[in-house]
Each structure stands twice: as C-alpha cells, then as structure tokens.
Amino acid sequence: MRVTLDITSEAHRQLKTLAAFSGMTMKDFILNRALGSEAVIKSARGKPDGMDETEYLLSSPANAARLEAAVHSEKRVSFATEEELRSAIGL
C-alpha cells in the first residue's frame, strides 16, 4: 500500500534529516514514530538477518552515492547529539 503525505519542503527536510540521523529510511522513521519499533521491524522487507540498518541503507547504490557526496561536501555540518540536531532544525 502506498500513502502520500502533503507536507512542506521544510517538514520533509526535517523528517529526512531526523531519519538519517537515526539510521533509518524516512518510511521506517515515520512508522517508528507513529506505530512504535515493531512496525519498523515488520517493514524491513528484504533486509538480511544480521545486517544492521546502516549496512542495509548503504547497500543501495543511490544511498551510498548520496552519503559519499555528503561526506566530501564543503557544506557539511555535524552534531554531537540528537538534541543538538533537533535544536539546529527547530524541533
């Protein structure tokens, strides 16, 4: 089943950032926040046993390329804690 959310680009950016900081896809992050961690476990179709979320996300060539570009970007920002990140994006 596919669900569409009508959100602002700022809200999309915040969700994407929080999901990445949590090591999840946006889908898994939203399911986790809305339904709890059991929903994320059930949604991780195709993830091999023993593979953590980061390995699973980076197994996608598109995700790996985005991470590589971000690592080498001059516009990089880092946060020591999730609270620092939340504060920086206004949550």
C-alpha atoms as a PDB file:
ATOM      1  CA  MET A   1       0.000   0.000   0.000  1.00  0.00           C
ATOM      2  CA  ARG A   2       1.243   3.495  -0.786  1.00  0.00           C
ATOM      3  CA  VAL A   3       0.462   6.560   1.351  1.00  0.00           C
ATOM      4  CA  THR A   4       1.053  10.152   0.304  1.00  0.00           C
ATOM      5  CA  LEU A   5       1.654  12.943   2.805  1.00  0.00           C
ATOM      6  CA  ASP A   6       1.168  16.577   1.860  1.00  0.00           C
ATOM      7  CA  ILE A   7       3.909  18.352   3.845  1.00  0.00           C
ATOM      8  CA  THR A   8       6.031  21.437   3.348  1.00  0.00           C
ATOM      9  CA  SER A   9       9.529  21.137   1.942  1.00  0.00           C
ATOM     10  CA  GLU A  10      10.853  22.261   5.340  1.00  0.00           C
ATOM     11  CA  ALA A  11       8.972  19.458   7.117  1.00  0.00           C
ATOM     12  CA  HIS A  12      10.289  16.999   4.517  1.00  0.00           C
ATOM     13  CA  ARG A  13      13.847  18.192   5.130  1.00  0.00           C
ATOM     14  CA  GLN A  14      13.412  17.836   8.894  1.00  0.00           C
ATOM     15  CA  LEU A  15      11.985  14.316   8.594  1.00  0.00           C
ATOM     16  CA  LYS A  16      14.726  13.275   6.195  1.00  0.00           C
ATOM     17  CA  THR A  17      17.434  14.662   8.492  1.00  0.00           C
ATOM     18  CA  LEU A  18      15.996  13.042  11.616  1.00  0.00           C
ATOM     19  CA  ALA A  19      15.567   9.721   9.817  1.00  0.00           C
ATOM     20  CA  ALA A  20      19.155   9.796   8.552  1.00  0.00           C
ATOM     21  CA  PHE A  21      20.453  10.765  11.991  1.00  0.00           C
ATOM     22  CA  SER A  22      18.538   7.789  13.407  1.00  0.00           C
ATOM     23  CA  GLY A  23      19.965   5.450  10.756  1.00  0.00           C
ATOM     24  CA  MET A  24      16.541   4.806   9.223  1.00  0.00           C
ATOM     25  CA  THR A  25      14.750   5.413   5.992  1.00  0.00           C
ATOM     26  CA  MET A  26      12.059   8.095   6.138  1.00  0.00           C
ATOM     27  CA  LYS A  27       9.425   5.381   5.873  1.00  0.00           C
ATOM     28  CA  ASP A  28      10.841   3.468   8.830  1.00  0.00           C
ATOM     29  CA  PHE A  29      11.322   6.658  10.857  1.00  0.00           C
ATOM     30  CA  ILE A  30       7.691   7.719  10.337  1.00  0.00           C
ATOM     31  CA  LEU A  31       6.392   4.207  11.088  1.00  0.00           C
ATOM     32  CA  ASN A  32       8.540   4.058  14.213  1.00  0.00           C
ATOM     33  CA  ARG A  33       7.255   7.396  15.485  1.00  0.00           C
ATOM     34  CA  ALA A  34       3.634   6.660  14.598  1.00  0.00           C
ATOM     35  CA  LEU A  35       3.341   2.964  15.470  1.00  0.00           C
ATOM     36  CA  GLY A  36       6.412   2.016  17.511  1.00  0.00           C
ATOM     37  CA  SER A  37       9.507  -0.010  16.733  1.00  0.00           C
ATOM     38  CA  GLU A  38       7.592  -3.227  15.976  1.00  0.00           C
ATOM     39  CA  ALA A  39       6.234  -1.589  12.802  1.00  0.00           C
ATOM     40  CA  VAL A  40       9.778  -0.859  11.630  1.00  0.00           C
ATOM     41  CA  ILE A  41      10.825  -4.450  12.171  1.00  0.00           C
ATOM     42  CA  LYS A  42       7.851  -5.644  10.113  1.00  0.00           C
ATOM     43  CA  SER A  43       8.554  -3.090   7.354  1.00  0.00           C
ATOM     44  CA  ALA A  44      12.199  -4.100   6.821  1.00  0.00           C
ATOM     45  CA  ARG A  45      11.337  -6.440   3.970  1.00  0.00           C
ATOM     46  CA  GLY A  46      14.305  -7.995   2.254  1.00  0.00           C
ATOM     47  CA  LYS A  47      16.832  -6.982   4.902  1.00  0.00           C
ATOM     48  CA  PRO A  48      19.090  -9.991   5.510  1.00  0.00           C
ATOM     49  CA  ASP A  49      19.363 -11.315   9.060  1.00  0.00           C
ATOM     50  CA  GLY A  50      22.371  -9.923  10.868  1.00  0.00           C
ATOM     51  CA  MET A  51      22.592  -6.800   8.696  1.00  0.00           C
ATOM     52  CA  ASP A  52      22.183  -3.601  10.679  1.00  0.00           C
ATOM     53  CA  GLU A  53      20.145  -0.622   9.448  1.00  0.00           C
ATOM     54  CA  THR A  54      23.206   1.329   8.272  1.00  0.00           C
ATOM     55  CA  GLU A  55      24.523  -1.585   6.216  1.00  0.00           C
ATOM     56  CA  TYR A  56      21.057  -2.086   4.764  1.00  0.00           C
ATOM     57  CA  LEU A  57      20.722   1.579   3.815  1.00  0.00           C
ATOM     58  CA  LEU A  58      24.197   1.693   2.269  1.00  0.00           C
ATOM     59  CA  SER A  59      23.560  -1.478   0.265  1.00  0.00           C
ATOM     60  CA  SER A  60      21.574   0.759  -2.078  1.00  0.00           C
ATOM     61  CA  PRO A  61      23.926   2.320  -4.666  1.00  0.00           C
ATOM     62  CA  ALA A  62      21.847   5.519  -4.641  1.00  0.00           C
ATOM     63  CA  ASN A  63      22.106   5.858  -0.844  1.00  0.00           C
ATOM     64  CA  ALA A  64      25.831   5.068  -0.904  1.00  0.00           C
ATOM     65  CA  ALA A  65      26.384   7.731  -3.593  1.00  0.00           C
ATOM     66  CA  ARG A  66      24.446  10.341  -1.592  1.00  0.00           C
ATOM     67  CA  LEU A  67      26.485   9.552   1.515  1.00  0.00           C
ATOM     68  CA  GLU A  68      29.745   9.753  -0.435  1.00  0.00           C
ATOM     69  CA  ALA A  69      28.735  13.151  -1.853  1.00  0.00           C
ATOM     70  CA  ALA A  70      27.737  14.411   1.599  1.00  0.00           C
ATOM     71  CA  VAL A  71      30.991  13.255   3.186  1.00  0.00           C
ATOM     72  CA  HIS A  72      33.035  15.188   0.631  1.00  0.00           C
ATOM     73  CA  SER A  73      30.785  18.256   0.581  1.00  0.00           C
ATOM     74  CA  GLU A  74      32.166  21.570   1.785  1.00  0.00           C
ATOM     75  CA  LYS A  75      28.735  22.338   3.269  1.00  0.00           C
ATOM     76  CA  ARG A  76      28.965  19.607   5.895  1.00  0.00           C
ATOM     77  CA  VAL A  77      27.636  20.196   9.390  1.00  0.00           C
ATOM     78  CA  SER A  78      27.956  17.749  12.248  1.00  0.00           C
ATOM     79  CA  PHE A  79      26.173  17.404  15.556  1.00  0.00           C
ATOM     80  CA  ALA A  80      27.438  15.670  18.678  1.00  0.00           C
ATOM     81  CA  THR A  81      23.978  14.715  19.917  1.00  0.00           C
ATOM     82  CA  GLU A  82      20.457  14.274  18.644  1.00  0.00           C
ATOM     83  CA  GLU A  83      19.443  17.201  20.869  1.00  0.00           C
ATOM     84  CA  GLU A  84      21.929  19.497  19.060  1.00  0.00           C
ATOM     85  CA  LEU A  85      20.435  18.405  15.739  1.00  0.00           C
ATOM     86  CA  ARG A  86      16.870  18.968  16.939  1.00  0.00           C
ATOM     87  CA  SER A  87      17.823  22.416  18.208  1.00  0.00           C
ATOM     88  CA  ALA A  88      19.505  23.316  14.909  1.00  0.00           C
ATOM     89  CA  ILE A  89      16.430  22.398  12.861  1.00  0.00           C
ATOM     90  CA  GLY A  90      13.977  23.907  15.294  1.00  0.00           C
ATOM     91  CA  LEU A  91      12.419  20.828  16.877  1.00  0.00           C
END
